[in-house]
Amino acid sequence: MARLRSAVAYEGPIEHAVHRFKYEGWRRLAGPLAQLVAERLVVEGLAARCVVAVPLHPDRLHERGFNQAELLAGELRRRLAIFEPVGKLVRTRDDVATTGATLDACAGALRAAGSGPVTGVSVARVNV
């Protein structure tokens, strides 16, 4: 992963909002959370040709009923007037770590497909 950008720290109200969005089905939070990300990208001067969501494991998708990353990506594309990509990332094995390994694997697949530079983006990041 060449770059990783997060809109805000994962604490306080954002921690609660992200939890509600991912685990309690508050899909309407996709817009406000995507707005935080969009504002961060604009402030940093990062331009994108496309926005691709990280695929969700089929068991998680069945459990939640939606892919929160895809909802965020769709809202982000709308806010930044970016087209949906032609292809999609496909999960080929189970993810067992949340240390950035997933984003690294996604970035590698995108670069192998000819994407050029890849920037990973998240709503929030835990400060250590």
N, C-alpha and C. Protein backbone atom coordinates (compact mmCIF):
# COMPACT_ATOMS: atom_id res chain seq x y z
N MET A 1 0.86 -1.17 0.00
CA MET A 1 0.00 0.00 0.00
C MET A 1 0.90 1.23 0.00
N ALA A 2 0.80 2.03 -1.03
CA ALA A 2 1.62 3.23 -1.13
C ALA A 2 1.17 4.30 -0.14
N ARG A 3 -0.14 4.46 0.00
CA ARG A 3 -0.66 5.49 0.89
C ARG A 3 -1.92 4.97 1.57
N LEU A 4 -2.12 5.44 2.78
CA LEU A 4 -3.35 5.15 3.50
C LEU A 4 -3.81 6.44 4.14
N ARG A 5 -5.03 6.81 3.89
CA ARG A 5 -5.61 8.02 4.45
C ARG A 5 -6.89 7.68 5.19
N SER A 6 -7.05 8.26 6.35
CA SER A 6 -8.28 8.11 7.14
C SER A 6 -8.80 9.50 7.43
N ALA A 7 -10.13 9.62 7.43
CA ALA A 7 -10.74 10.93 7.62
C ALA A 7 -10.58 11.44 9.04
N VAL A 8 -10.79 10.57 10.02
CA VAL A 8 -10.79 11.00 11.42
C VAL A 8 -10.26 9.89 12.32
N ALA A 9 -10.08 10.23 13.59
CA ALA A 9 -9.69 9.23 14.60
C ALA A 9 -10.91 8.41 15.00
N TYR A 10 -10.67 7.14 15.27
CA TYR A 10 -11.73 6.23 15.67
C TYR A 10 -11.94 6.34 17.17
N GLU A 11 -12.74 7.35 17.54
CA GLU A 11 -13.02 7.61 18.95
C GLU A 11 -14.28 8.46 19.07
N GLY A 12 -14.85 8.46 20.25
CA GLY A 12 -16.02 9.30 20.53
C GLY A 12 -17.19 9.01 19.61
N PRO A 13 -17.83 10.07 19.12
CA PRO A 13 -19.03 9.91 18.29
C PRO A 13 -18.78 9.11 17.01
N ILE A 14 -17.59 9.23 16.42
CA ILE A 14 -17.29 8.48 15.20
C ILE A 14 -17.26 6.99 15.48
N GLU A 15 -16.68 6.60 16.61
CA GLU A 15 -16.64 5.18 16.97
C GLU A 15 -18.07 4.62 17.05
N HIS A 16 -18.95 5.37 17.66
CA HIS A 16 -20.35 4.94 17.78
C HIS A 16 -21.04 4.91 16.42
N ALA A 17 -20.79 5.91 15.60
CA ALA A 17 -21.42 5.97 14.27
C ALA A 17 -20.96 4.81 13.39
N VAL A 18 -19.66 4.53 13.39
CA VAL A 18 -19.14 3.43 12.58
C VAL A 18 -19.71 2.10 13.07
N HIS A 19 -19.80 1.92 14.37
CA HIS A 19 -20.37 0.69 14.92
C HIS A 19 -21.83 0.53 14.50
N ARG A 20 -22.59 1.60 14.60
CA ARG A 20 -24.00 1.54 14.19
C ARG A 20 -24.13 1.24 12.70
N PHE A 21 -23.27 1.85 11.91
CA PHE A 21 -23.30 1.66 10.47
C PHE A 21 -22.99 0.21 10.10
N LYS A 22 -21.91 -0.33 10.65
CA LYS A 22 -21.47 -1.68 10.28
C LYS A 22 -22.31 -2.79 10.92
N TYR A 23 -22.62 -2.64 12.19
CA TYR A 23 -23.19 -3.77 12.93
C TYR A 23 -24.67 -3.64 13.28
N GLU A 24 -25.21 -2.44 13.20
CA GLU A 24 -26.61 -2.26 13.55
C GLU A 24 -27.48 -1.87 12.35
N GLY A 25 -26.86 -1.85 11.17
CA GLY A 25 -27.63 -1.63 9.94
C GLY A 25 -28.07 -0.20 9.69
N TRP A 26 -27.41 0.77 10.30
CA TRP A 26 -27.78 2.18 10.08
C TRP A 26 -27.20 2.64 8.74
N ARG A 27 -27.77 2.16 7.65
CA ARG A 27 -27.25 2.46 6.31
C ARG A 27 -27.26 3.94 5.97
N ARG A 28 -28.17 4.68 6.58
CA ARG A 28 -28.25 6.12 6.27
C ARG A 28 -26.99 6.88 6.70
N LEU A 29 -26.14 6.25 7.51
CA LEU A 29 -24.89 6.88 7.90
C LEU A 29 -23.84 6.85 6.79
N ALA A 30 -24.08 6.10 5.72
CA ALA A 30 -23.13 6.03 4.61
C ALA A 30 -22.83 7.41 4.04
N GLY A 31 -23.86 8.23 3.87
CA GLY A 31 -23.67 9.57 3.31
C GLY A 31 -22.79 10.46 4.17
N PRO A 32 -23.14 10.65 5.45
CA PRO A 32 -22.29 11.50 6.30
C PRO A 32 -20.87 10.97 6.47
N LEU A 33 -20.71 9.65 6.58
CA LEU A 33 -19.36 9.10 6.73
C LEU A 33 -18.56 9.29 5.45
N ALA A 34 -19.20 9.10 4.29
CA ALA A 34 -18.52 9.32 3.02
C ALA A 34 -18.14 10.80 2.86
N GLN A 35 -18.98 11.69 3.38
CA GLN A 35 -18.68 13.12 3.30
C GLN A 35 -17.39 13.44 4.07
N LEU A 36 -17.21 12.80 5.22
CA LEU A 36 -15.95 13.00 5.98
C LEU A 36 -14.75 12.59 5.15
N VAL A 37 -14.86 11.45 4.48
CA VAL A 37 -13.77 10.95 3.65
C VAL A 37 -13.54 11.89 2.46
N ALA A 38 -14.61 12.31 1.81
CA ALA A 38 -14.50 13.20 0.65
C ALA A 38 -13.80 14.50 1.04
N GLU A 39 -14.18 15.06 2.17
CA GLU A 39 -13.55 16.31 2.61
C GLU A 39 -12.07 16.11 2.88
N ARG A 40 -11.71 14.99 3.47
CA ARG A 40 -10.29 14.70 3.73
C ARG A 40 -9.51 14.59 2.43
N LEU A 41 -10.08 13.90 1.44
CA LEU A 41 -9.40 13.75 0.16
C LEU A 41 -9.21 15.09 -0.54
N VAL A 42 -10.22 15.94 -0.46
CA VAL A 42 -10.12 17.26 -1.08
C VAL A 42 -9.06 18.10 -0.38
N VAL A 43 -9.05 18.09 0.94
CA VAL A 43 -8.06 18.85 1.70
C VAL A 43 -6.65 18.39 1.36
N GLU A 44 -6.47 17.08 1.20
CA GLU A 44 -5.15 16.53 0.89
C GLU A 44 -4.80 16.66 -0.59
N GLY A 45 -5.75 17.08 -1.40
CA GLY A 45 -5.49 17.23 -2.83
C GLY A 45 -5.34 15.90 -3.55
N LEU A 46 -5.97 14.85 -3.04
CA LEU A 46 -5.90 13.54 -3.67
C LEU A 46 -7.00 13.40 -4.71
N ALA A 47 -6.61 13.09 -5.91
CA ALA A 47 -7.57 12.87 -6.99
C ALA A 47 -7.67 11.37 -7.24
N ALA A 48 -8.81 10.93 -7.73
CA ALA A 48 -8.99 9.51 -8.01
C ALA A 48 -9.71 9.33 -9.33
N ARG A 49 -9.30 8.29 -10.06
CA ARG A 49 -10.00 7.93 -11.29
C ARG A 49 -11.18 7.02 -10.98
N CYS A 50 -11.06 6.24 -9.90
CA CYS A 50 -12.17 5.38 -9.51
C CYS A 50 -12.07 5.06 -8.03
N VAL A 51 -13.18 4.61 -7.49
CA VAL A 51 -13.26 4.19 -6.09
C VAL A 51 -13.78 2.76 -6.08
N VAL A 52 -13.01 1.86 -5.45
CA VAL A 52 -13.34 0.44 -5.41
C VAL A 52 -13.51 0.03 -3.96
N ALA A 53 -14.60 -0.66 -3.67
CA ALA A 53 -14.85 -1.14 -2.31
C ALA A 53 -14.11 -2.45 -2.05
N VAL A 54 -13.69 -2.63 -0.81
CA VAL A 54 -13.11 -3.91 -0.38
C VAL A 54 -14.25 -4.92 -0.32
N PRO A 55 -14.07 -6.09 -0.93
CA PRO A 55 -15.16 -7.08 -0.89
C PRO A 55 -15.36 -7.62 0.52
N LEU A 56 -16.59 -7.95 0.81
CA LEU A 56 -16.95 -8.50 2.12
C LEU A 56 -17.08 -10.01 1.99
N HIS A 57 -16.62 -10.72 3.00
CA HIS A 57 -16.75 -12.18 3.00
C HIS A 57 -18.23 -12.53 2.87
N PRO A 58 -18.57 -13.54 2.06
CA PRO A 58 -19.98 -13.91 1.86
C PRO A 58 -20.74 -14.16 3.17
N ASP A 59 -20.09 -14.74 4.16
CA ASP A 59 -20.76 -14.97 5.45
C ASP A 59 -21.12 -13.65 6.12
N ARG A 60 -20.20 -12.69 6.07
CA ARG A 60 -20.46 -11.37 6.65
C ARG A 60 -21.57 -10.66 5.88
N LEU A 61 -21.52 -10.77 4.56
CA LEU A 61 -22.55 -10.14 3.73
C LEU A 61 -23.93 -10.71 4.08
N HIS A 62 -24.00 -12.01 4.23
CA HIS A 62 -25.27 -12.64 4.60
C HIS A 62 -25.71 -12.19 5.99
N GLU A 63 -24.76 -12.10 6.91
CA GLU A 63 -25.05 -11.70 8.29
C GLU A 63 -25.55 -10.26 8.36
N ARG A 64 -24.87 -9.33 7.67
CA ARG A 64 -25.22 -7.91 7.72
C ARG A 64 -26.32 -7.53 6.74
N GLY A 65 -26.36 -8.21 5.62
CA GLY A 65 -27.34 -7.88 4.60
C GLY A 65 -26.88 -6.79 3.65
N PHE A 66 -25.69 -6.29 3.84
CA PHE A 66 -25.13 -5.26 2.96
C PHE A 66 -23.63 -5.18 3.17
N ASN A 67 -22.93 -4.63 2.17
CA ASN A 67 -21.48 -4.40 2.28
C ASN A 67 -21.30 -2.92 2.58
N GLN A 68 -20.92 -2.62 3.80
CA GLN A 68 -20.77 -1.22 4.20
C GLN A 68 -19.72 -0.50 3.37
N ALA A 69 -18.68 -1.20 2.93
CA ALA A 69 -17.65 -0.57 2.11
C ALA A 69 -18.22 -0.17 0.74
N GLU A 70 -19.10 -1.00 0.20
CA GLU A 70 -19.71 -0.67 -1.09
C GLU A 70 -20.65 0.53 -0.97
N LEU A 71 -21.39 0.60 0.13
CA LEU A 71 -22.26 1.77 0.34
C LEU A 71 -21.41 3.04 0.44
N LEU A 72 -20.31 2.99 1.19
CA LEU A 72 -19.43 4.15 1.31
C LEU A 72 -18.81 4.51 -0.04
N ALA A 73 -18.35 3.50 -0.77
CA ALA A 73 -17.74 3.76 -2.07
C ALA A 73 -18.74 4.42 -3.02
N GLY A 74 -19.97 3.93 -3.02
CA GLY A 74 -20.99 4.54 -3.87
C GLY A 74 -21.26 5.99 -3.51
N GLU A 75 -21.36 6.27 -2.23
CA GLU A 75 -21.57 7.65 -1.78
C GLU A 75 -20.36 8.53 -2.12
N LEU A 76 -19.18 7.97 -1.97
CA LEU A 76 -17.96 8.73 -2.27
C LEU A 76 -17.88 9.02 -3.77
N ARG A 77 -18.22 8.03 -4.58
CA ARG A 77 -18.23 8.27 -6.04
C ARG A 77 -19.21 9.38 -6.39
N ARG A 78 -20.38 9.36 -5.77
CA ARG A 78 -21.39 10.38 -6.06
C ARG A 78 -20.90 11.77 -5.65
N ARG A 79 -20.32 11.88 -4.46
CA ARG A 79 -19.88 13.17 -3.95
C ARG A 79 -18.71 13.75 -4.75
N LEU A 80 -17.84 12.87 -5.24
CA LEU A 80 -16.65 13.33 -5.97
C LEU A 80 -16.81 13.23 -7.48
N ALA A 81 -18.02 12.86 -7.94
CA ALA A 81 -18.32 12.73 -9.37
C ALA A 81 -17.32 11.81 -10.06
N ILE A 82 -17.15 10.62 -9.48
CA ILE A 82 -16.24 9.60 -10.02
C ILE A 82 -17.09 8.44 -10.52
N PHE A 83 -16.73 7.92 -11.67
CA PHE A 83 -17.47 6.80 -12.23
C PHE A 83 -17.20 5.51 -11.46
N GLU A 84 -18.15 4.58 -11.53
CA GLU A 84 -17.96 3.26 -10.94
C GLU A 84 -16.94 2.50 -11.81
N PRO A 85 -16.06 1.73 -11.18
CA PRO A 85 -15.06 0.99 -11.96
C PRO A 85 -15.71 -0.08 -12.84
N VAL A 86 -15.00 -0.45 -13.87
CA VAL A 86 -15.50 -1.46 -14.79
C VAL A 86 -15.56 -2.83 -14.12
N GLY A 87 -14.54 -3.17 -13.35
CA GLY A 87 -14.48 -4.46 -12.67
C GLY A 87 -14.65 -4.30 -11.17
N LYS A 88 -14.53 -5.41 -10.48
CA LYS A 88 -14.64 -5.40 -9.02
C LYS A 88 -13.55 -6.29 -8.45
N LEU A 89 -13.17 -5.99 -7.23
CA LEU A 89 -12.28 -6.89 -6.51
C LEU A 89 -13.09 -8.10 -6.06
N VAL A 90 -12.46 -9.25 -6.03
CA VAL A 90 -13.12 -10.47 -5.61
C VAL A 90 -12.31 -11.09 -4.49
N ARG A 91 -12.98 -11.44 -3.41
CA ARG A 91 -12.31 -12.09 -2.28
C ARG A 91 -12.02 -13.54 -2.67
N THR A 92 -10.75 -13.96 -2.50
CA THR A 92 -10.39 -15.33 -2.86
C THR A 92 -10.08 -16.20 -1.66
N ARG A 93 -9.91 -15.61 -0.49
CA ARG A 93 -9.67 -16.40 0.72
C ARG A 93 -10.14 -15.60 1.92
N ASP A 94 -10.28 -16.24 3.07
CA ASP A 94 -10.77 -15.54 4.26
C ASP A 94 -9.74 -14.58 4.80
N ASP A 95 -10.23 -13.44 5.26
CA ASP A 95 -9.37 -12.43 5.85
C ASP A 95 -9.27 -12.72 7.35
N VAL A 96 -8.07 -12.68 7.89
CA VAL A 96 -7.90 -12.97 9.31
C VAL A 96 -7.22 -11.84 10.08
N ALA A 97 -6.85 -10.77 9.40
CA ALA A 97 -6.15 -9.69 10.08
C ALA A 97 -6.76 -8.35 9.69
N THR A 98 -6.69 -7.41 10.60
CA THR A 98 -7.19 -6.06 10.31
C THR A 98 -6.06 -5.04 10.45
N THR A 99 -4.87 -5.43 10.10
CA THR A 99 -3.70 -4.59 10.27
C THR A 99 -3.33 -3.83 9.01
N GLY A 100 -4.16 -3.90 8.01
CA GLY A 100 -3.83 -3.29 6.73
C GLY A 100 -3.52 -4.36 5.69
N ALA A 101 -3.48 -5.62 6.11
CA ALA A 101 -3.19 -6.70 5.18
C ALA A 101 -4.24 -6.77 4.07
N THR A 102 -5.48 -6.53 4.41
CA THR A 102 -6.55 -6.56 3.41
C THR A 102 -6.33 -5.47 2.37
N LEU A 103 -6.03 -4.26 2.83
CA LEU A 103 -5.80 -3.16 1.89
C LEU A 103 -4.56 -3.41 1.04
N ASP A 104 -3.53 -4.00 1.64
CA ASP A 104 -2.33 -4.35 0.86
C ASP A 104 -2.67 -5.34 -0.24
N ALA A 105 -3.46 -6.36 0.10
CA ALA A 105 -3.84 -7.37 -0.90
C ALA A 105 -4.68 -6.74 -2.01
N CYS A 106 -5.61 -5.86 -1.63
CA CYS A 106 -6.44 -5.18 -2.63
C CYS A 106 -5.58 -4.30 -3.53
N ALA A 107 -4.66 -3.55 -2.93
CA ALA A 107 -3.79 -2.67 -3.72
C ALA A 107 -2.94 -3.48 -4.69
N GLY A 108 -2.43 -4.61 -4.23
CA GLY A 108 -1.63 -5.47 -5.10
C GLY A 108 -2.43 -5.97 -6.29
N ALA A 109 -3.67 -6.40 -6.04
CA ALA A 109 -4.53 -6.88 -7.12
C ALA A 109 -4.86 -5.76 -8.10
N LEU A 110 -5.13 -4.58 -7.59
CA LEU A 110 -5.45 -3.46 -8.47
C LEU A 110 -4.24 -3.06 -9.32
N ARG A 111 -3.06 -3.00 -8.70
CA ARG A 111 -1.86 -2.66 -9.46
C ARG A 111 -1.56 -3.72 -10.52
N ALA A 112 -1.76 -5.00 -10.17
CA ALA A 112 -1.53 -6.08 -11.13
C ALA A 112 -2.47 -5.97 -12.32
N ALA A 113 -3.64 -5.38 -12.10
CA ALA A 113 -4.61 -5.18 -13.18
C ALA A 113 -4.37 -3.89 -13.95
N GLY A 114 -3.30 -3.16 -13.57
CA GLY A 114 -2.94 -1.96 -14.32
C GLY A 114 -3.50 -0.66 -13.79
N SER A 115 -3.84 -0.62 -12.52
CA SER A 115 -4.47 0.58 -11.96
C SER A 115 -3.54 1.78 -11.83
N GLY A 116 -2.26 1.53 -11.66
CA GLY A 116 -1.35 2.61 -11.31
C GLY A 116 -1.34 2.76 -9.80
N PRO A 117 -0.95 3.92 -9.28
CA PRO A 117 -0.87 4.11 -7.82
C PRO A 117 -2.22 3.89 -7.14
N VAL A 118 -2.19 3.33 -5.94
CA VAL A 118 -3.40 3.05 -5.17
C VAL A 118 -3.28 3.70 -3.81
N THR A 119 -4.33 4.37 -3.39
CA THR A 119 -4.40 4.96 -2.05
C THR A 119 -5.55 4.29 -1.31
N GLY A 120 -5.25 3.72 -0.16
CA GLY A 120 -6.29 3.13 0.68
C GLY A 120 -6.94 4.23 1.49
N VAL A 121 -8.24 4.17 1.63
CA VAL A 121 -8.99 5.21 2.35
C VAL A 121 -9.93 4.53 3.33
N SER A 122 -9.99 5.09 4.54
CA SER A 122 -10.95 4.60 5.54
C SER A 122 -11.60 5.80 6.21
N VAL A 123 -12.74 5.54 6.81
CA VAL A 123 -13.42 6.61 7.54
C VAL A 123 -12.60 6.99 8.75
N ALA A 124 -12.17 5.99 9.52
CA ALA A 124 -11.47 6.26 10.77
C ALA A 124 -10.32 5.31 10.98
N ARG A 125 -9.39 5.75 11.80
CA ARG A 125 -8.21 4.96 12.12
C ARG A 125 -7.93 5.07 13.61
N VAL A 126 -7.60 3.94 14.19
CA VAL A 126 -7.27 3.92 15.62
C VAL A 126 -5.89 4.56 15.78
N ASN A 127 -5.81 5.52 16.68
CA ASN A 127 -4.50 6.14 16.98
C ASN A 127 -3.80 5.30 18.02
N VAL A 128 -2.57 4.92 17.72
CA VAL A 128 -1.79 4.11 18.66
C VAL A 128 -0.67 4.90 19.26
